[in-house]
């Protein structure tokens, strides 16, 4: 992994990292006071395969957990990350 700086844009409901002038991001929406739903994740084609989306999603999930939020994953990629964490016992 590359250790990018991940920024939380709360007003837009997203976490993102700028890499080589492009953005890797995951978007979320509040379902209710205690639940967030991660709805999409995007990595520009030129940046794929470098683990960048995973870094952004990991930061987003860490935020949700620190806030005591339940997490839903409408986004297939976030669902995959959560499944992998479950397999690792995290």
Foldseek 3Di string as FASTA:
>chain_A
DPDFDWDQPPVQQKIWGADPNDIWIWHWDAPDPAAIETAETDDPPVPPPPCRSVVRLVVVVVVSVVSNHDYHYNYPVNVVVVVVCVVVVD
